[in-house]
C-alpha atoms as a PDB file:
ATOM      1  CA  MET A   1     151.419  96.761 136.826  1.00  0.00           C
ATOM      2  CA  GLN A   2     147.700  96.079 136.863  1.00  0.00           C
ATOM      3  CA  PRO A   3     145.739  97.451 133.876  1.00  0.00           C
ATOM      4  CA  THR A   4     143.296 100.304 134.353  1.00  0.00           C
ATOM      5  CA  ARG A   5     139.864  98.660 134.522  1.00  0.00           C
ATOM      6  CA  ILE A   6     137.162 100.698 132.780  1.00  0.00           C
ATOM      7  CA  LEU A   7     133.364 100.427 132.662  1.00  0.00           C
ATOM      8  CA  ILE A   8     131.621 102.229 129.771  1.00  0.00           C
ATOM      9  CA  ALA A   9     128.104 103.582 130.436  1.00  0.00           C
ATOM     10  CA  ASP A  10     126.211 104.945 127.441  1.00  0.00           C
ATOM     11  CA  ASP A  11     122.821 104.134 125.938  1.00  0.00           C
ATOM     12  CA  HIS A  12     124.070 104.185 122.332  1.00  0.00           C
ATOM     13  CA  LYS A  13     125.499 100.799 121.367  1.00  0.00           C
ATOM     14  CA  ILE A  14     127.548 102.040 118.422  1.00  0.00           C
ATOM     15  CA  PHE A  15     129.218 104.648 120.638  1.00  0.00           C
ATOM     16  CA  ARG A  16     130.046 102.046 123.299  1.00  0.00           C
ATOM     17  CA  GLU A  17     131.498  99.683 120.709  1.00  0.00           C
ATOM     18  CA  GLY A  18     133.627 102.412 119.156  1.00  0.00           C
ATOM     19  CA  LEU A  19     134.911 103.559 122.522  1.00  0.00           C
ATOM     20  CA  ARG A  20     135.645  99.986 123.588  1.00  0.00           C
ATOM     21  CA  THR A  21     137.726  99.437 120.439  1.00  0.00           C
ATOM     22  CA  LEU A  22     139.738 102.618 120.970  1.00  0.00           C
ATOM     23  CA  LEU A  23     140.366 101.905 124.643  1.00  0.00           C
ATOM     24  CA  THR A  24     141.221  98.246 124.129  1.00  0.00           C
ATOM     25  CA  ASN A  25     143.977  99.276 121.721  1.00  0.00           C
ATOM     26  CA  GLN A  26     145.563 101.367 124.471  1.00  0.00           C
ATOM     27  CA  PRO A  27     148.323  99.637 126.465  1.00  0.00           C
ATOM     28  CA  GLY A  28     147.508  99.176 130.123  1.00  0.00           C
ATOM     29  CA  VAL A  29     143.739  99.519 129.669  1.00  0.00           C
ATOM     30  CA  GLU A  30     141.063  96.844 130.113  1.00  0.00           C
ATOM     31  CA  VAL A  31     137.376  97.442 129.364  1.00  0.00           C
ATOM     32  CA  ILE A  32     135.613  95.192 131.849  1.00  0.00           C
ATOM     33  CA  GLY A  33     132.004  95.950 130.962  1.00  0.00           C
ATOM     34  CA  GLU A  34     129.386  98.054 129.232  1.00  0.00           C
ATOM     35  CA  ALA A  35     126.048  99.366 130.495  1.00  0.00           C
ATOM     36  CA  ASP A  36     123.222 100.957 128.519  1.00  0.00           C
ATOM     37  CA  ASN A  37     121.387 102.683 131.389  1.00  0.00           C
ATOM     38  CA  GLY A  38     122.157 104.233 134.739  1.00  0.00           C
ATOM     39  CA  ARG A  39     120.597 101.512 136.865  1.00  0.00           C
ATOM     40  CA  THR A  40     122.670  98.785 135.226  1.00  0.00           C
ATOM     41  CA  THR A  41     125.758 100.969 135.582  1.00  0.00           C
ATOM     42  CA  VAL A  42     125.308 101.231 139.349  1.00  0.00           C
ATOM     43  CA  ALA A  43     124.863  97.458 139.694  1.00  0.00           C
ATOM     44  CA  MET A  44     127.866  96.651 137.484  1.00  0.00           C
ATOM     45  CA  ALA A  45     130.083  99.166 139.265  1.00  0.00           C
ATOM     46  CA  ALA A  46     129.215  97.644 142.642  1.00  0.00           C
ATOM     47  CA  ASP A  47     129.946  94.153 141.301  1.00  0.00           C
ATOM     48  CA  LEU A  48     133.079  94.861 139.239  1.00  0.00           C
ATOM     49  CA  GLN A  49     134.621  97.772 141.194  1.00  0.00           C
ATOM     50  CA  PRO A  50     136.205  99.422 138.114  1.00  0.00           C
ATOM     51  CA  ASP A  51     138.948 101.989 138.371  1.00  0.00           C
ATOM     52  CA  VAL A  52     137.061 104.362 136.067  1.00  0.00           C
ATOM     53  CA  VAL A  53     133.459 104.621 134.882  1.00  0.00           C
ATOM     54  CA  ILE A  54     133.064 106.614 131.676  1.00  0.00           C
ATOM     55  CA  MET A  55     129.544 107.918 132.259  1.00  0.00           C
ATOM     56  CA  ASP A  56     127.059 109.436 129.828  1.00  0.00           C
ATOM     57  CA  VAL A  57     124.769 112.027 131.422  1.00  0.00           C
ATOM     58  CA  ALA A  58     121.496 111.375 129.593  1.00  0.00           C
ATOM     59  CA  MET A  59     120.565 107.704 130.042  1.00  0.00           C
ATOM     60  CA  PRO A  60     117.244 105.889 130.523  1.00  0.00           C
ATOM     61  CA  GLU A  61     115.868 104.476 133.799  1.00  0.00           C
ATOM     62  CA  LEU A  62     118.459 106.333 135.890  1.00  0.00           C
ATOM     63  CA  ASN A  63     120.299 109.360 134.510  1.00  0.00           C
ATOM     64  CA  GLY A  64     124.055 109.758 134.750  1.00  0.00           C
ATOM     65  CA  ILE A  65     123.846 112.358 137.507  1.00  0.00           C
ATOM     66  CA  ASP A  66     122.003 110.111 139.945  1.00  0.00           C
ATOM     67  CA  ALA A  67     123.949 107.052 138.805  1.00  0.00           C
ATOM     68  CA  THR A  68     127.166 108.937 139.572  1.00  0.00           C
ATOM     69  CA  ARG A  69     125.886 109.805 143.035  1.00  0.00           C
ATOM     70  CA  GLN A  70     125.181 106.141 143.758  1.00  0.00           C
ATOM     71  CA  VAL A  71     128.489 104.925 142.323  1.00  0.00           C
ATOM     72  CA  ALA A  72     130.400 107.519 144.359  1.00  0.00           C
ATOM     73  CA  SER A  73     128.586 106.333 147.473  1.00  0.00           C
ATOM     74  CA  SER A  74     129.106 102.588 146.971  1.00  0.00           C
ATOM     75  CA  CYS A  75     132.465 102.450 145.161  1.00  0.00           C
ATOM     76  CA  ALA A  76     134.887 104.708 146.991  1.00  0.00           C
ATOM     77  CA  GLN A  77     137.885 103.858 144.788  1.00  0.00           C
ATOM     78  CA  THR A  78     136.060 104.278 141.468  1.00  0.00           C
ATOM     79  CA  LYS A  79     136.520 107.497 139.515  1.00  0.00           C
ATOM     80  CA  VAL A  80     133.594 108.703 137.404  1.00  0.00           C
ATOM     81  CA  LEU A  81     134.445 110.553 134.211  1.00  0.00           C
ATOM     82  CA  ALA A  82     131.466 112.194 132.518  1.00  0.00           C
ATOM     83  CA  LEU A  83     131.456 112.059 128.714  1.00  0.00           C
ATOM     84  CA  SER A  84     128.512 113.995 127.332  1.00  0.00           C
ATOM     85  CA  MET A  85     127.211 116.038 124.429  1.00  0.00           C
ATOM     86  CA  HIS A  86     125.851 118.598 126.921  1.00  0.00           C
ATOM     87  CA  ALA A  87     127.966 121.638 127.842  1.00  0.00           C
ATOM     88  CA  ASP A  88     125.151 123.309 129.799  1.00  0.00           C
ATOM     89  CA  SER A  89     126.123 124.385 133.313  1.00  0.00           C
ATOM     90  CA  ARG A  90     123.241 122.403 134.832  1.00  0.00           C
ATOM     91  CA  PHE A  91     124.714 119.130 133.600  1.00  0.00           C
ATOM     92  CA  VAL A  92     128.343 119.976 134.344  1.00  0.00           C
ATOM     93  CA  THR A  93     127.896 121.297 137.868  1.00  0.00           C
ATOM     94  CA  ARG A  94     125.427 118.590 138.879  1.00  0.00           C
ATOM     95  CA  MET A  95     127.706 115.821 137.662  1.00  0.00           C
ATOM     96  CA  LEU A  96     130.613 117.281 139.614  1.00  0.00           C
ATOM     97  CA  THR A  97     128.447 117.802 142.690  1.00  0.00           C
ATOM     98  CA  ALA A  98     127.252 114.199 142.416  1.00  0.00           C
ATOM     99  CA  GLY A  99     130.854 112.999 142.621  1.00  0.00           C
ATOM    100  CA  ALA A 100     132.256 112.940 139.087  1.00  0.00           C
ATOM    101  CA  HIS A 101     136.007 113.560 138.877  1.00  0.00           C
ATOM    102  CA  GLY A 102     135.927 114.955 135.360  1.00  0.00           C
ATOM    103  CA  TYR A 103     133.711 116.147 132.533  1.00  0.00           C
ATOM    104  CA  LEU A 104     134.430 115.792 128.805  1.00  0.00           C
ATOM    105  CA  LEU A 105     132.434 116.660 125.727  1.00  0.00           C
ATOM    106  CA  LYS A 106     131.797 113.911 123.194  1.00  0.00           C
ATOM    107  CA  ASP A 107     133.362 115.918 120.400  1.00  0.00           C
ATOM    108  CA  CYS A 108     136.759 115.752 122.121  1.00  0.00           C
ATOM    109  CA  ALA A 109     139.726 113.966 120.560  1.00  0.00           C
ATOM    110  CA  PHE A 110     140.529 110.479 121.860  1.00  0.00           C
ATOM    111  CA  GLU A 111     143.879 111.792 123.104  1.00  0.00           C
ATOM    112  CA  GLU A 112     141.997 114.147 125.429  1.00  0.00           C
ATOM    113  CA  LEU A 113     140.004 111.234 126.816  1.00  0.00           C
ATOM    114  CA  THR A 114     143.166 109.286 127.614  1.00  0.00           C
ATOM    115  CA  LEU A 115     144.593 112.386 129.310  1.00  0.00           C
ATOM    116  CA  ALA A 116     141.389 112.784 131.333  1.00  0.00           C
ATOM    117  CA  ILE A 117     141.489 109.139 132.438  1.00  0.00           C
ATOM    118  CA  GLN A 118     145.051 109.503 133.692  1.00  0.00           C
ATOM    119  CA  THR A 119     144.193 112.788 135.393  1.00  0.00           C
ATOM    120  CA  VAL A 120     141.323 111.357 137.425  1.00  0.00           C
ATOM    121  CA  LEU A 121     143.392 108.281 138.295  1.00  0.00           C
ATOM    122  CA  ASP A 122     145.924 110.721 139.762  1.00  0.00           C
ATOM    123  CA  ASP A 123     143.124 112.099 142.004  1.00  0.00           C
ATOM    124  CA  ASP A 124     142.877 115.354 140.065  1.00  0.00           C
ATOM    125  CA  VAL A 125     139.798 116.821 138.379  1.00  0.00           C
ATOM    126  CA  TYR A 126     139.698 117.097 134.595  1.00  0.00           C
ATOM    127  CA  LEU A 127     137.444 119.528 132.733  1.00  0.00           C
ATOM    128  CA  SER A 128     137.316 119.944 128.970  1.00  0.00           C
ATOM    129  CA  PRO A 129     138.325 123.470 127.922  1.00  0.00           C
ATOM    130  CA  GLY A 130     134.799 123.813 126.528  1.00  0.00           C
ATOM    131  CA  VAL A 131     133.200 123.376 129.965  1.00  0.00           C
ATOM    132  CA  ALA A 132     135.755 124.948 132.315  1.00  0.00           C
ATOM    133  CA  GLY A 133     134.333 128.416 131.659  1.00  0.00           C
ATOM    134  CA  VAL A 134     130.832 127.080 132.229  1.00  0.00           C
ATOM    135  CA  VAL A 135     131.790 125.939 135.720  1.00  0.00           C
ATOM    136  CA  VAL A 136     133.340 129.293 136.585  1.00  0.00           C
ATOM    137  CA  ARG A 137     130.266 131.205 135.406  1.00  0.00           C
ATOM    138  CA  ALA A 138     127.980 128.843 137.327  1.00  0.00           C
ATOM    139  CA  MET A 139     129.963 129.435 140.516  1.00  0.00           C
ATOM    140  CA  GLN A 140     129.795 133.189 139.985  1.00  0.00           C
ATOM    141  CA  SER A 141     126.017 133.106 139.670  1.00  0.00           C
ATOM    142  CA  ARG A 142     125.499 130.651 142.531  1.00  0.00           C
ATOM    143  CA  VAL A 143     124.956 133.340 145.160  1.00  0.00           C
ATOM    144  CA  ASP A 144     122.229 134.978 143.087  1.00  0.00           C
ATOM    145  CA  GLU A 145     120.405 131.666 142.697  1.00  0.00           C
ATOM    146  CA  LEU A 146     120.373 130.666 146.356  1.00  0.00           C
ATOM    147  CA  GLY A 147     117.211 132.580 147.117  1.00  0.00           C
ATOM    148  CA  THR A 148     115.256 131.208 144.166  1.00  0.00           C
ATOM    149  CA  GLN A 149     116.120 127.510 144.080  1.00  0.00           C
ATOM    150  CA  ALA A 150     113.389 124.978 143.405  1.00  0.00           C
ATOM    151  CA  PRO A 151     112.452 122.638 146.267  1.00  0.00           C
ATOM    152  CA  GLU A 152     114.976 119.831 146.680  1.00  0.00           C
ATOM    153  CA  LEU A 153     113.769 116.361 145.718  1.00  0.00           C
ATOM    154  CA  THR A 154     115.081 113.286 147.502  1.00  0.00           C
ATOM    155  CA  PRO A 155     117.163 110.785 145.481  1.00  0.00           C
ATOM    156  CA  ARG A 156     114.187 108.389 145.374  1.00  0.00           C
ATOM    157  CA  GLU A 157     111.846 111.173 144.230  1.00  0.00           C
ATOM    158  CA  ARG A 158     114.318 112.013 141.450  1.00  0.00           C
ATOM    159  CA  GLU A 159     114.314 108.366 140.347  1.00  0.00           C
ATOM    160  CA  VAL A 160     110.514 108.255 140.313  1.00  0.00           C
ATOM    161  CA  LEU A 161     110.293 111.560 138.462  1.00  0.00           C
ATOM    162  CA  GLN A 162     112.658 110.360 135.732  1.00  0.00           C
ATOM    163  CA  LEU A 163     110.705 107.133 135.244  1.00  0.00           C
ATOM    164  CA  VAL A 164     107.384 108.994 135.128  1.00  0.00           C
ATOM    165  CA  ALA A 165     108.833 111.385 132.541  1.00  0.00           C
ATOM    166  CA  GLU A 166     109.998 108.409 130.475  1.00  0.00           C
ATOM    167  CA  GLY A 167     106.412 107.178 130.260  1.00  0.00           C
ATOM    168  CA  ARG A 168     106.592 104.285 132.732  1.00  0.00           C
ATOM    169  CA  THR A 169     103.346 103.254 134.409  1.00  0.00           C
ATOM    170  CA  THR A 170     102.980 103.347 138.178  1.00  0.00           C
ATOM    171  CA  ARG A 171     102.993  99.539 138.253  1.00  0.00           C
ATOM    172  CA  ASP A 172     106.146  99.402 136.096  1.00  0.00           C
ATOM    173  CA  ILE A 173     107.933 101.848 138.378  1.00  0.00           C
ATOM    174  CA  ALA A 174     106.883  99.928 141.487  1.00  0.00           C
ATOM    175  CA  GLY A 175     108.262  96.713 140.011  1.00  0.00           C
ATOM    176  CA  LEU A 176     111.519  98.329 138.927  1.00  0.00           C
ATOM    177  CA  LEU A 177     112.135  99.917 142.340  1.00  0.00           C
ATOM    178  CA  HIS A 178     110.811  96.886 144.287  1.00  0.00           C
ATOM    179  CA  VAL A 179     108.175  98.823 146.225  1.00  0.00           C
ATOM    180  CA  SER A 180     104.385  98.893 146.268  1.00  0.00           C
ATOM    181  CA  VAL A 181     102.171 100.747 143.809  1.00  0.00           C
ATOM    182  CA  LYS A 182     100.854 102.805 146.719  1.00  0.00           C
ATOM    183  CA  THR A 183     104.399 103.892 147.600  1.00  0.00           C
ATOM    184  CA  ILE A 184     104.971 105.146 144.053  1.00  0.00           C
ATOM    185  CA  GLU A 185     101.646 106.983 144.081  1.00  0.00           C
ATOM    186  CA  THR A 186     102.698 108.663 147.339  1.00  0.00           C
ATOM    187  CA  HIS A 187     106.068 109.652 145.851  1.00  0.00           C
ATOM    188  CA  ARG A 188     104.401 111.103 142.775  1.00  0.00           C
ATOM    189  CA  LYS A 189     101.974 113.148 144.887  1.00  0.00           C
ATOM    190  CA  GLN A 190     104.845 114.460 147.010  1.00  0.00           C
ATOM    191  CA  ILE A 191     106.817 115.403 143.893  1.00  0.00           C
ATOM    192  CA  MET A 192     103.861 117.259 142.400  1.00  0.00           C
ATOM    193  CA  ASP A 193     103.167 119.030 145.678  1.00  0.00           C
ATOM    194  CA  LYS A 194     106.813 120.080 146.111  1.00  0.00           C
ATOM    195  CA  LEU A 195     107.112 121.350 142.552  1.00  0.00           C
ATOM    196  CA  GLU A 196     103.557 122.717 142.411  1.00  0.00           C
ATOM    197  CA  LEU A 197     102.907 120.816 139.191  1.00  0.00           C
ATOM    198  CA  ARG A 198      99.640 119.144 138.285  1.00  0.00           C
ATOM    199  CA  SER A 199     100.191 116.908 135.247  1.00  0.00           C
ATOM    200  CA  VAL A 200     102.559 114.331 133.791  1.00  0.00           C
ATOM    201  CA  ALA A 201     103.272 116.738 130.936  1.00  0.00           C
ATOM    202  CA  GLU A 202     104.442 119.379 133.409  1.00  0.00           C
ATOM    203  CA  LEU A 203     106.528 116.797 135.268  1.00  0.00           C
ATOM    204  CA  THR A 204     108.127 115.705 131.998  1.00  0.00           C
ATOM    205  CA  LYS A 205     108.945 119.275 131.020  1.00  0.00           C
ATOM    206  CA  TYR A 206     110.508 119.870 134.443  1.00  0.00           C
ATOM    207  CA  ALA A 207     112.541 116.624 134.263  1.00  0.00           C
ATOM    208  CA  VAL A 208     113.947 117.549 130.840  1.00  0.00           C
ATOM    209  CA  ARG A 209     114.752 121.109 131.917  1.00  0.00           C
ATOM    210  CA  GLU A 210     116.545 119.902 135.039  1.00  0.00           C
ATOM    211  CA  GLY A 211     118.597 117.292 133.167  1.00  0.00           C
ATOM    212  CA  LEU A 212     116.963 114.258 134.773  1.00  0.00           C
ATOM    213  CA  THR A 213     116.000 112.826 131.401  1.00  0.00           C
ATOM    214  CA  SER A 214     116.095 113.673 127.728  1.00  0.00           C
ATOM    215  CA  LEU A 215     113.553 113.634 124.929  1.00  0.00           C
ATOM    216  CA  ASP A 216     116.285 112.621 122.502  1.00  0.00           C
ATOM    217  CA  GLY A 217     115.905 109.228 120.919  1.00  0.00           C
END
């Protein structure tokens, strides 16, 4: 039987190393790579085609929500399992909507993680007990929110917004996304117009509130 091939995506090196050690000691498991940001995760997933990506939600350059959306689109057989410190409904529901097959909190026992991995490999969804209620409550309030939702940003606008909120210059963002400076300026204007925001500070506050990025170190 082929081992379960796992890619770990988290921006904290000590966490990745600890998780790699625990997983490597499990029979039938192979850790095939580690990524410290969402953009690298997407590239490695496309190249390595892992069975499971253990995905942090708050990562630099490209957050786990948008990285999950891209992995789900390009790697049909790969299961994404979110492992996060955030139990907020915004993070949980957006990860699941983006294509994640499960959501765990980082304070879970390792035995729960192994159970979650097997569950998603069996094409079922796994939710930590601590977030299952969050999902139910979010679904119950969904109808009330439909009339007051913020304007929807495109995936590229979300990428640009995260990078702006992380303090990247327009030229840096253009280079990272392989487009012109003018294109990034246009995206930023469209984002500000859609959200009716007028400063980088307001954009940053919005990005943090919506779970696109984090001010944590």
